[in-house]
């Protein structure tokens, strides 16, 4: 059986990595006014943050159409028998459901949609695992079983500088945003039941980041061999510093840096930082 690996653009796996590993991608879009840009295709992350600073209103975001996904699956059906398709949380986007619906319309290829229940490079961890398992000759069912095992130890926490984007985008309710702004808190957020919710409210940025480092350290102290990624919204220097602090906690950590691209960056805002990890 020949198996393809597909994801959406919010995994933020760089194009050179996707090309090298043969990862297929369907893009979500950001819409400024009447103009739509497919992220990772029509607009870079750097261009996006510059454009947001100049825009009067936040852009909107949109998922790929079923027609677009159907066309992509038909292309894959020419060369593959099955596709493992990993997507951002179904609690914040309809992309997964669109892939599932498109898969029912396409002949010649079995589609295995998988809900990462989060996004960004935490979602990308599943994608990279799938690539390795396909190379090793595993079946789609075995790959899904491994995903479910990974999900048991997968953690992702992030901190935003400004709650307004999340509130305006409908990802956080108004009361939470107002209270957070009045108190000048730096809330730590995470995914619960596929949606973004507050984890803890902390008064300063440094204390919030230290709390996230502490959560990583808790898992290290349990003897877990972790794969960790620090994710940033156009603040790479801060991400590098955070990665250094985390690396000091264990000599065996496998750490990397990734980014919040246009679609997720629309909701989190510039300056957001996050850390995701799982037990290898």
C-alpha atoms as a PDB file:
ATOM      1  CA  UNK A   1       0.000   0.000   0.000  1.00  0.00           C
ATOM      2  CA  UNK A   2       1.340   3.408  -0.969  1.00  0.00           C
ATOM      3  CA  UNK A   3       0.451   6.027   1.664  1.00  0.00           C
ATOM      4  CA  UNK A   4       0.577   9.815   1.338  1.00  0.00           C
ATOM      5  CA  UNK A   5       0.914  12.188   4.292  1.00  0.00           C
ATOM      6  CA  UNK A   6      -1.076  15.427   4.155  1.00  0.00           C
ATOM      7  CA  UNK A   7      -1.719  18.283   6.548  1.00  0.00           C
ATOM      8  CA  UNK A   8      -2.916  21.864   6.396  1.00  0.00           C
ATOM      9  CA  UNK A   9      -0.860  25.037   6.434  1.00  0.00           C
ATOM     10  CA  UNK A  10      -1.364  25.678  10.160  1.00  0.00           C
ATOM     11  CA  UNK A  11       1.176  22.954  11.005  1.00  0.00           C
ATOM     12  CA  UNK A  12       3.699  25.544   9.784  1.00  0.00           C
ATOM     13  CA  UNK A  13       6.134  22.990   8.447  1.00  0.00           C
ATOM     14  CA  UNK A  14       8.551  24.966   6.231  1.00  0.00           C
ATOM     15  CA  UNK A  15       8.180  24.401   2.485  1.00  0.00           C
ATOM     16  CA  UNK A  16      11.716  23.001   2.163  1.00  0.00           C
ATOM     17  CA  UNK A  17      10.903  20.378   4.806  1.00  0.00           C
ATOM     18  CA  UNK A  18       7.599  19.497   3.147  1.00  0.00           C
ATOM     19  CA  UNK A  19       9.305  19.080  -0.209  1.00  0.00           C
ATOM     20  CA  UNK A  20      12.159  17.017   1.223  1.00  0.00           C
ATOM     21  CA  UNK A  21       9.821  14.669   3.098  1.00  0.00           C
ATOM     22  CA  UNK A  22       7.047  14.549   0.494  1.00  0.00           C
ATOM     23  CA  UNK A  23       4.414  16.112   2.759  1.00  0.00           C
ATOM     24  CA  UNK A  24       1.301  17.356   0.980  1.00  0.00           C
ATOM     25  CA  UNK A  25      -0.477  20.478   2.235  1.00  0.00           C
ATOM     26  CA  UNK A  26      -3.832  22.250   1.858  1.00  0.00           C
ATOM     27  CA  UNK A  27      -3.678  25.945   2.800  1.00  0.00           C
ATOM     28  CA  UNK A  28      -5.995  27.984   4.958  1.00  0.00           C
ATOM     29  CA  UNK A  29      -6.323  31.667   4.085  1.00  0.00           C
ATOM     30  CA  UNK A  30      -6.264  35.123   5.613  1.00  0.00           C
ATOM     31  CA  UNK A  31      -8.512  37.776   4.112  1.00  0.00           C
ATOM     32  CA  UNK A  32      -7.621  41.470   4.189  1.00  0.00           C
ATOM     33  CA  UNK A  33     -10.631  43.412   2.951  1.00  0.00           C
ATOM     34  CA  UNK A  34     -11.599  41.827  -0.368  1.00  0.00           C
ATOM     35  CA  UNK A  35      -8.263  40.100  -0.934  1.00  0.00           C
ATOM     36  CA  UNK A  36      -7.638  36.522   0.157  1.00  0.00           C
ATOM     37  CA  UNK A  37      -4.145  35.101   0.651  1.00  0.00           C
ATOM     38  CA  UNK A  38      -3.380  31.414   1.038  1.00  0.00           C
ATOM     39  CA  UNK A  39      -0.897  31.206   3.892  1.00  0.00           C
ATOM     40  CA  UNK A  40       2.436  29.569   3.113  1.00  0.00           C
ATOM     41  CA  UNK A  41       1.578  30.092  -0.593  1.00  0.00           C
ATOM     42  CA  UNK A  42       0.558  33.688  -1.382  1.00  0.00           C
ATOM     43  CA  UNK A  43       1.871  35.398   1.761  1.00  0.00           C
ATOM     44  CA  UNK A  44       4.831  34.765   4.027  1.00  0.00           C
ATOM     45  CA  UNK A  45       4.660  35.054   7.786  1.00  0.00           C
ATOM     46  CA  UNK A  46       6.913  38.134   7.708  1.00  0.00           C
ATOM     47  CA  UNK A  47       4.711  39.809   5.097  1.00  0.00           C
ATOM     48  CA  UNK A  48       1.621  38.972   7.132  1.00  0.00           C
ATOM     49  CA  UNK A  49       2.766  40.636  10.371  1.00  0.00           C
ATOM     50  CA  UNK A  50       3.886  43.713   8.443  1.00  0.00           C
ATOM     51  CA  UNK A  51       0.509  43.881   6.699  1.00  0.00           C
ATOM     52  CA  UNK A  52      -1.389  43.504  10.000  1.00  0.00           C
ATOM     53  CA  UNK A  53       0.498  46.447  11.511  1.00  0.00           C
ATOM     54  CA  UNK A  54      -0.606  48.603   8.579  1.00  0.00           C
ATOM     55  CA  UNK A  55      -4.215  47.357   8.437  1.00  0.00           C
ATOM     56  CA  UNK A  56      -7.106  49.210  10.054  1.00  0.00           C
ATOM     57  CA  UNK A  57      -8.908  45.964  10.861  1.00  0.00           C
ATOM     58  CA  UNK A  58      -7.810  42.450  11.688  1.00  0.00           C
ATOM     59  CA  UNK A  59      -7.970  40.054   8.741  1.00  0.00           C
ATOM     60  CA  UNK A  60     -10.477  37.239   8.668  1.00  0.00           C
ATOM     61  CA  UNK A  61      -9.456  33.613   8.302  1.00  0.00           C
ATOM     62  CA  UNK A  62     -10.999  30.883   6.168  1.00  0.00           C
ATOM     63  CA  UNK A  63     -10.591  27.168   5.646  1.00  0.00           C
ATOM     64  CA  UNK A  64      -9.944  25.515   2.269  1.00  0.00           C
ATOM     65  CA  UNK A  65     -13.060  24.701   0.275  1.00  0.00           C
ATOM     66  CA  UNK A  66     -14.287  21.138  -0.157  1.00  0.00           C
ATOM     67  CA  UNK A  67     -13.769  21.630  -3.899  1.00  0.00           C
ATOM     68  CA  UNK A  68     -10.106  22.517  -3.389  1.00  0.00           C
ATOM     69  CA  UNK A  69      -9.572  19.537  -1.093  1.00  0.00           C
ATOM     70  CA  UNK A  70     -11.394  17.187  -3.468  1.00  0.00           C
ATOM     71  CA  UNK A  71      -9.109  18.296  -6.300  1.00  0.00           C
ATOM     72  CA  UNK A  72      -6.048  17.662  -4.122  1.00  0.00           C
ATOM     73  CA  UNK A  73      -7.273  14.191  -3.162  1.00  0.00           C
ATOM     74  CA  UNK A  74      -7.955  13.339  -6.804  1.00  0.00           C
ATOM     75  CA  UNK A  75      -4.350  14.272  -7.585  1.00  0.00           C
ATOM     76  CA  UNK A  76      -3.111  12.009  -4.797  1.00  0.00           C
ATOM     77  CA  UNK A  77      -5.356   9.156  -5.945  1.00  0.00           C
ATOM     78  CA  UNK A  78      -3.291   8.900  -9.128  1.00  0.00           C
ATOM     79  CA  UNK A  79      -0.236   7.794  -7.118  1.00  0.00           C
ATOM     80  CA  UNK A  80      -1.419   6.650  -3.686  1.00  0.00           C
ATOM     81  CA  UNK A  81      -3.795   4.105  -2.182  1.00  0.00           C
ATOM     82  CA  UNK A  82      -4.347   5.981   1.086  1.00  0.00           C
ATOM     83  CA  UNK A  83      -3.654   9.345   2.722  1.00  0.00           C
ATOM     84  CA  UNK A  84      -3.135  10.149   6.390  1.00  0.00           C
ATOM     85  CA  UNK A  85      -4.402  13.723   6.756  1.00  0.00           C
ATOM     86  CA  UNK A  86      -3.610  15.563  10.004  1.00  0.00           C
ATOM     87  CA  UNK A  87      -5.378  18.847  10.773  1.00  0.00           C
ATOM     88  CA  UNK A  88      -5.822  21.636  13.278  1.00  0.00           C
ATOM     89  CA  UNK A  89      -8.378  21.194  16.017  1.00  0.00           C
ATOM     90  CA  UNK A  90     -11.925  20.657  14.809  1.00  0.00           C
ATOM     91  CA  UNK A  91     -12.976  22.888  17.700  1.00  0.00           C
ATOM     92  CA  UNK A  92     -11.524  25.987  16.021  1.00  0.00           C
ATOM     93  CA  UNK A  93     -11.837  25.146  12.308  1.00  0.00           C
ATOM     94  CA  UNK A  94     -13.971  23.084   9.951  1.00  0.00           C
ATOM     95  CA  UNK A  95     -10.950  21.958   7.923  1.00  0.00           C
ATOM     96  CA  UNK A  96     -10.962  18.409   9.299  1.00  0.00           C
ATOM     97  CA  UNK A  97     -14.645  17.943   8.501  1.00  0.00           C
ATOM     98  CA  UNK A  98     -14.097  19.363   5.014  1.00  0.00           C
ATOM     99  CA  UNK A  99     -11.338  16.780   4.409  1.00  0.00           C
ATOM    100  CA  UNK A 100     -13.582  13.997   5.728  1.00  0.00           C
ATOM    101  CA  UNK A 101     -16.422  15.116   3.438  1.00  0.00           C
ATOM    102  CA  UNK A 102     -14.122  15.445   0.423  1.00  0.00           C
ATOM    103  CA  UNK A 103     -12.712  11.987   1.117  1.00  0.00           C
ATOM    104  CA  UNK A 104     -16.174  10.496   0.687  1.00  0.00           C
ATOM    105  CA  UNK A 105     -16.427  12.058  -2.789  1.00  0.00           C
ATOM    106  CA  UNK A 106     -13.132  10.742  -4.176  1.00  0.00           C
ATOM    107  CA  UNK A 107     -12.659   7.261  -5.599  1.00  0.00           C
ATOM    108  CA  UNK A 108      -9.440   5.285  -5.593  1.00  0.00           C
ATOM    109  CA  UNK A 109      -7.934   6.523  -2.341  1.00  0.00           C
ATOM    110  CA  UNK A 110      -8.777   5.844   1.309  1.00  0.00           C
ATOM    111  CA  UNK A 111      -8.660   9.014   3.418  1.00  0.00           C
ATOM    112  CA  UNK A 112      -7.765   8.874   7.114  1.00  0.00           C
ATOM    113  CA  UNK A 113      -8.530  12.338   8.596  1.00  0.00           C
ATOM    114  CA  UNK A 114      -6.981  12.919  12.027  1.00  0.00           C
ATOM    115  CA  UNK A 115      -7.894  15.644  14.521  1.00  0.00           C
ATOM    116  CA  UNK A 116      -4.725  16.889  16.222  1.00  0.00           C
ATOM    117  CA  UNK A 117      -7.007  18.738  18.687  1.00  0.00           C
ATOM    118  CA  UNK A 118      -4.525  21.649  18.640  1.00  0.00           C
ATOM    119  CA  UNK A 119      -2.454  23.381  15.960  1.00  0.00           C
ATOM    120  CA  UNK A 120       0.934  24.707  14.802  1.00  0.00           C
ATOM    121  CA  UNK A 121       4.048  22.578  15.222  1.00  0.00           C
ATOM    122  CA  UNK A 122       2.331  20.424  17.846  1.00  0.00           C
ATOM    123  CA  UNK A 123       0.127  19.366  14.932  1.00  0.00           C
ATOM    124  CA  UNK A 124       3.320  19.102  12.890  1.00  0.00           C
ATOM    125  CA  UNK A 125       4.716  16.530  15.332  1.00  0.00           C
ATOM    126  CA  UNK A 126       2.021  14.098  14.179  1.00  0.00           C
ATOM    127  CA  UNK A 127       2.847  14.839  10.551  1.00  0.00           C
ATOM    128  CA  UNK A 128       6.561  14.135  10.998  1.00  0.00           C
ATOM    129  CA  UNK A 129       5.779  10.935  12.921  1.00  0.00           C
ATOM    130  CA  UNK A 130       3.526   9.802  10.071  1.00  0.00           C
ATOM    131  CA  UNK A 131       6.310  10.345   7.539  1.00  0.00           C
ATOM    132  CA  UNK A 132       8.696   8.156   9.538  1.00  0.00           C
ATOM    133  CA  UNK A 133       6.105   5.427  10.027  1.00  0.00           C
ATOM    134  CA  UNK A 134       5.155   5.377   6.343  1.00  0.00           C
ATOM    135  CA  UNK A 135       8.837   4.962   5.468  1.00  0.00           C
ATOM    136  CA  UNK A 136       9.034   2.080   7.935  1.00  0.00           C
ATOM    137  CA  UNK A 137       6.121   0.339   6.228  1.00  0.00           C
ATOM    138  CA  UNK A 138       3.415   0.746   8.850  1.00  0.00           C
ATOM    139  CA  UNK A 139      -0.269   0.551   7.977  1.00  0.00           C
ATOM    140  CA  UNK A 140      -2.591   3.567   8.275  1.00  0.00           C
ATOM    141  CA  UNK A 141      -4.279   1.918  11.250  1.00  0.00           C
ATOM    142  CA  UNK A 142      -0.945   1.506  13.049  1.00  0.00           C
ATOM    143  CA  UNK A 143      -0.110   5.159  12.381  1.00  0.00           C
ATOM    144  CA  UNK A 144      -3.434   6.312  13.830  1.00  0.00           C
ATOM    145  CA  UNK A 145      -2.820   4.106  16.881  1.00  0.00           C
ATOM    146  CA  UNK A 146       0.560   5.792  17.358  1.00  0.00           C
ATOM    147  CA  UNK A 147      -1.080   9.223  17.069  1.00  0.00           C
ATOM    148  CA  UNK A 148      -3.494   8.298  19.837  1.00  0.00           C
ATOM    149  CA  UNK A 149      -0.552   7.197  21.971  1.00  0.00           C
ATOM    150  CA  UNK A 150       1.269  10.482  21.306  1.00  0.00           C
ATOM    151  CA  UNK A 151      -1.854  12.431  22.222  1.00  0.00           C
ATOM    152  CA  UNK A 152      -1.686  11.077  25.770  1.00  0.00           C
ATOM    153  CA  UNK A 153       1.568  12.991  26.428  1.00  0.00           C
ATOM    154  CA  UNK A 154       1.086  15.928  24.012  1.00  0.00           C
ATOM    155  CA  UNK A 155       1.109  19.299  25.764  1.00  0.00           C
ATOM    156  CA  UNK A 156       0.846  22.820  24.347  1.00  0.00           C
ATOM    157  CA  UNK A 157       0.723  26.087  26.298  1.00  0.00           C
ATOM    158  CA  UNK A 158       0.944  29.599  24.950  1.00  0.00           C
ATOM    159  CA  UNK A 159       0.932  33.161  26.155  1.00  0.00           C
ATOM    160  CA  UNK A 160      -0.431  36.164  24.282  1.00  0.00           C
ATOM    161  CA  UNK A 161       0.552  39.795  24.684  1.00  0.00           C
ATOM    162  CA  UNK A 162      -2.922  41.104  23.905  1.00  0.00           C
ATOM    163  CA  UNK A 163      -6.244  39.301  24.362  1.00  0.00           C
ATOM    164  CA  UNK A 164      -8.107  41.518  21.879  1.00  0.00           C
ATOM    165  CA  UNK A 165      -7.310  39.372  18.836  1.00  0.00           C
ATOM    166  CA  UNK A 166      -8.614  36.203  20.472  1.00  0.00           C
ATOM    167  CA  UNK A 167     -11.746  37.971  21.645  1.00  0.00           C
ATOM    168  CA  UNK A 168     -12.454  39.635  18.285  1.00  0.00           C
ATOM    169  CA  UNK A 169     -11.879  36.343  16.485  1.00  0.00           C
ATOM    170  CA  UNK A 170     -14.383  34.561  18.718  1.00  0.00           C
ATOM    171  CA  UNK A 171     -11.773  32.273  20.299  1.00  0.00           C
ATOM    172  CA  UNK A 172     -12.112  33.826  23.765  1.00  0.00           C
ATOM    173  CA  UNK A 173     -15.226  35.398  25.245  1.00  0.00           C
ATOM    174  CA  UNK A 174     -15.534  39.133  25.862  1.00  0.00           C
ATOM    175  CA  UNK A 175     -15.595  38.911  29.644  1.00  0.00           C
ATOM    176  CA  UNK A 176     -12.323  37.009  29.741  1.00  0.00           C
ATOM    177  CA  UNK A 177     -10.717  39.542  27.409  1.00  0.00           C
ATOM    178  CA  UNK A 178     -11.936  42.574  29.388  1.00  0.00           C
ATOM    179  CA  UNK A 179     -10.854  41.170  32.748  1.00  0.00           C
ATOM    180  CA  UNK A 180      -7.465  40.207  31.338  1.00  0.00           C
ATOM    181  CA  UNK A 181      -6.902  43.664  29.883  1.00  0.00           C
ATOM    182  CA  UNK A 182      -7.928  45.480  33.071  1.00  0.00           C
ATOM    183  CA  UNK A 183      -5.607  43.421  35.235  1.00  0.00           C
ATOM    184  CA  UNK A 184      -2.780  43.503  32.686  1.00  0.00           C
ATOM    185  CA  UNK A 185      -2.478  39.744  33.071  1.00  0.00           C
ATOM    186  CA  UNK A 186      -0.559  37.463  30.739  1.00  0.00           C
ATOM    187  CA  UNK A 187      -2.863  34.458  30.572  1.00  0.00           C
ATOM    188  CA  UNK A 188      -1.444  31.050  29.775  1.00  0.00           C
ATOM    189  CA  UNK A 189      -3.802  29.339  27.356  1.00  0.00           C
ATOM    190  CA  UNK A 190      -4.141  25.749  26.209  1.00  0.00           C
ATOM    191  CA  UNK A 191      -6.510  23.438  24.359  1.00  0.00           C
ATOM    192  CA  UNK A 192      -9.173  21.541  26.303  1.00  0.00           C
ATOM    193  CA  UNK A 193     -11.776  19.479  24.443  1.00  0.00           C
ATOM    194  CA  UNK A 194     -10.461  20.918  21.163  1.00  0.00           C
ATOM    195  CA  UNK A 195     -10.971  24.607  22.049  1.00  0.00           C
ATOM    196  CA  UNK A 196      -8.709  27.325  23.488  1.00  0.00           C
ATOM    197  CA  UNK A 197      -9.296  28.068  27.160  1.00  0.00           C
ATOM    198  CA  UNK A 198      -7.333  29.852  29.903  1.00  0.00           C
ATOM    199  CA  UNK A 199      -5.003  27.638  31.929  1.00  0.00           C
ATOM    200  CA  UNK A 200      -3.766  30.212  34.438  1.00  0.00           C
ATOM    201  CA  UNK A 201      -3.753  34.003  34.687  1.00  0.00           C
ATOM    202  CA  UNK A 202      -0.350  35.394  35.620  1.00  0.00           C
ATOM    203  CA  UNK A 203       0.524  39.035  36.150  1.00  0.00           C
ATOM    204  CA  UNK A 204       3.758  39.354  34.162  1.00  0.00           C
ATOM    205  CA  UNK A 205       5.198  37.983  30.942  1.00  0.00           C
ATOM    206  CA  UNK A 206       8.315  36.624  32.656  1.00  0.00           C
ATOM    207  CA  UNK A 207       6.316  34.793  35.323  1.00  0.00           C
ATOM    208  CA  UNK A 208       4.056  33.302  32.663  1.00  0.00           C
ATOM    209  CA  UNK A 209       7.026  31.994  30.694  1.00  0.00           C
ATOM    210  CA  UNK A 210       8.627  30.627  33.866  1.00  0.00           C
ATOM    211  CA  UNK A 211       5.382  28.800  34.609  1.00  0.00           C
ATOM    212  CA  UNK A 212       5.444  27.176  31.153  1.00  0.00           C
ATOM    213  CA  UNK A 213       9.103  26.187  31.655  1.00  0.00           C
ATOM    214  CA  UNK A 214       8.065  24.649  34.966  1.00  0.00           C
ATOM    215  CA  UNK A 215       5.414  22.553  33.220  1.00  0.00           C
ATOM    216  CA  UNK A 216       8.035  21.193  30.823  1.00  0.00           C
ATOM    217  CA  UNK A 217      10.341  20.504  33.757  1.00  0.00           C
ATOM    218  CA  UNK A 218       7.576  18.574  35.537  1.00  0.00           C
ATOM    219  CA  UNK A 219       7.471  16.080  32.662  1.00  0.00           C
ATOM    220  CA  UNK A 220      11.278  15.892  32.514  1.00  0.00           C
ATOM    221  CA  UNK A 221      11.332  15.073  36.213  1.00  0.00           C
ATOM    222  CA  UNK A 222       8.931  12.193  35.544  1.00  0.00           C
ATOM    223  CA  UNK A 223      11.678  10.630  33.446  1.00  0.00           C
ATOM    224  CA  UNK A 224      10.122  11.414  30.087  1.00  0.00           C
ATOM    225  CA  UNK A 225      12.319  11.822  27.003  1.00  0.00           C
ATOM    226  CA  UNK A 226      10.721  14.863  25.413  1.00  0.00           C
ATOM    227  CA  UNK A 227      10.533  16.428  21.997  1.00  0.00           C
ATOM    228  CA  UNK A 228       9.925  20.145  22.514  1.00  0.00           C
ATOM    229  CA  UNK A 229       9.180  23.074  20.220  1.00  0.00           C
ATOM    230  CA  UNK A 230       9.112  26.773  21.077  1.00  0.00           C
ATOM    231  CA  UNK A 231       6.681  28.685  18.856  1.00  0.00           C
ATOM    232  CA  UNK A 232       6.701  32.453  18.329  1.00  0.00           C
ATOM    233  CA  UNK A 233       4.641  35.162  16.638  1.00  0.00           C
ATOM    234  CA  UNK A 234       7.311  37.297  14.960  1.00  0.00           C
ATOM    235  CA  UNK A 235       9.547  37.402  18.053  1.00  0.00           C
ATOM    236  CA  UNK A 236      12.283  34.916  17.210  1.00  0.00           C
ATOM    237  CA  UNK A 237      14.820  36.400  19.635  1.00  0.00           C
ATOM    238  CA  UNK A 238      12.458  35.776  22.560  1.00  0.00           C
ATOM    239  CA  UNK A 239      11.883  32.225  21.310  1.00  0.00           C
ATOM    240  CA  UNK A 240      15.627  31.550  21.162  1.00  0.00           C
ATOM    241  CA  UNK A 241      16.044  32.770  24.730  1.00  0.00           C
ATOM    242  CA  UNK A 242      13.143  30.604  25.891  1.00  0.00           C
ATOM    243  CA  UNK A 243      14.590  27.578  24.091  1.00  0.00           C
ATOM    244  CA  UNK A 244      17.929  28.102  25.876  1.00  0.00           C
ATOM    245  CA  UNK A 245      16.206  28.164  29.265  1.00  0.00           C
ATOM    246  CA  UNK A 246      14.300  24.978  28.484  1.00  0.00           C
ATOM    247  CA  UNK A 247      17.380  23.197  27.105  1.00  0.00           C
ATOM    248  CA  UNK A 248      19.168  23.793  30.411  1.00  0.00           C
ATOM    249  CA  UNK A 249      16.629  21.556  32.160  1.00  0.00           C
ATOM    250  CA  UNK A 250      17.816  18.343  30.508  1.00  0.00           C
ATOM    251  CA  UNK A 251      20.753  17.288  28.281  1.00  0.00           C
ATOM    252  CA  UNK A 252      18.546  14.841  26.353  1.00  0.00           C
ATOM    253  CA  UNK A 253      15.886  17.297  25.214  1.00  0.00           C
ATOM    254  CA  UNK A 254      15.180  17.383  21.487  1.00  0.00           C
ATOM    255  CA  UNK A 255      14.184  21.032  21.029  1.00  0.00           C
ATOM    256  CA  UNK A 256      13.430  23.239  18.034  1.00  0.00           C
ATOM    257  CA  UNK A 257      11.857  26.579  17.126  1.00  0.00           C
ATOM    258  CA  UNK A 258       8.772  27.159  14.990  1.00  0.00           C
ATOM    259  CA  UNK A 259       6.334  30.001  14.375  1.00  0.00           C
ATOM    260  CA  UNK A 260       2.725  31.132  14.498  1.00  0.00           C
ATOM    261  CA  UNK A 261       1.930  31.859  10.865  1.00  0.00           C
ATOM    262  CA  UNK A 262      -0.816  34.076   9.407  1.00  0.00           C
ATOM    263  CA  UNK A 263      -3.989  32.161  10.329  1.00  0.00           C
ATOM    264  CA  UNK A 264      -3.057  31.376  13.930  1.00  0.00           C
ATOM    265  CA  UNK A 265      -1.179  34.680  14.236  1.00  0.00           C
ATOM    266  CA  UNK A 266      -4.415  36.493  13.376  1.00  0.00           C
ATOM    267  CA  UNK A 267      -5.958  35.134  16.572  1.00  0.00           C
ATOM    268  CA  UNK A 268      -2.949  35.243  18.911  1.00  0.00           C
ATOM    269  CA  UNK A 269      -1.359  38.503  17.787  1.00  0.00           C
ATOM    270  CA  UNK A 270       2.266  39.489  17.371  1.00  0.00           C
ATOM    271  CA  UNK A 271       4.501  38.708  20.332  1.00  0.00           C
ATOM    272  CA  UNK A 272       2.763  35.490  21.358  1.00  0.00           C
ATOM    273  CA  UNK A 273       4.963  32.627  22.554  1.00  0.00           C
ATOM    274  CA  UNK A 274       4.140  28.980  23.010  1.00  0.00           C
ATOM    275  CA  UNK A 275       5.752  25.694  23.953  1.00  0.00           C
ATOM    276  CA  UNK A 276       4.572  22.242  22.878  1.00  0.00           C
ATOM    277  CA  UNK A 277       5.992  18.841  23.684  1.00  0.00           C
ATOM    278  CA  UNK A 278       5.363  15.118  23.844  1.00  0.00           C
ATOM    279  CA  UNK A 279       7.152  12.015  25.104  1.00  0.00           C
ATOM    280  CA  UNK A 280       9.113  10.301  22.345  1.00  0.00           C
END
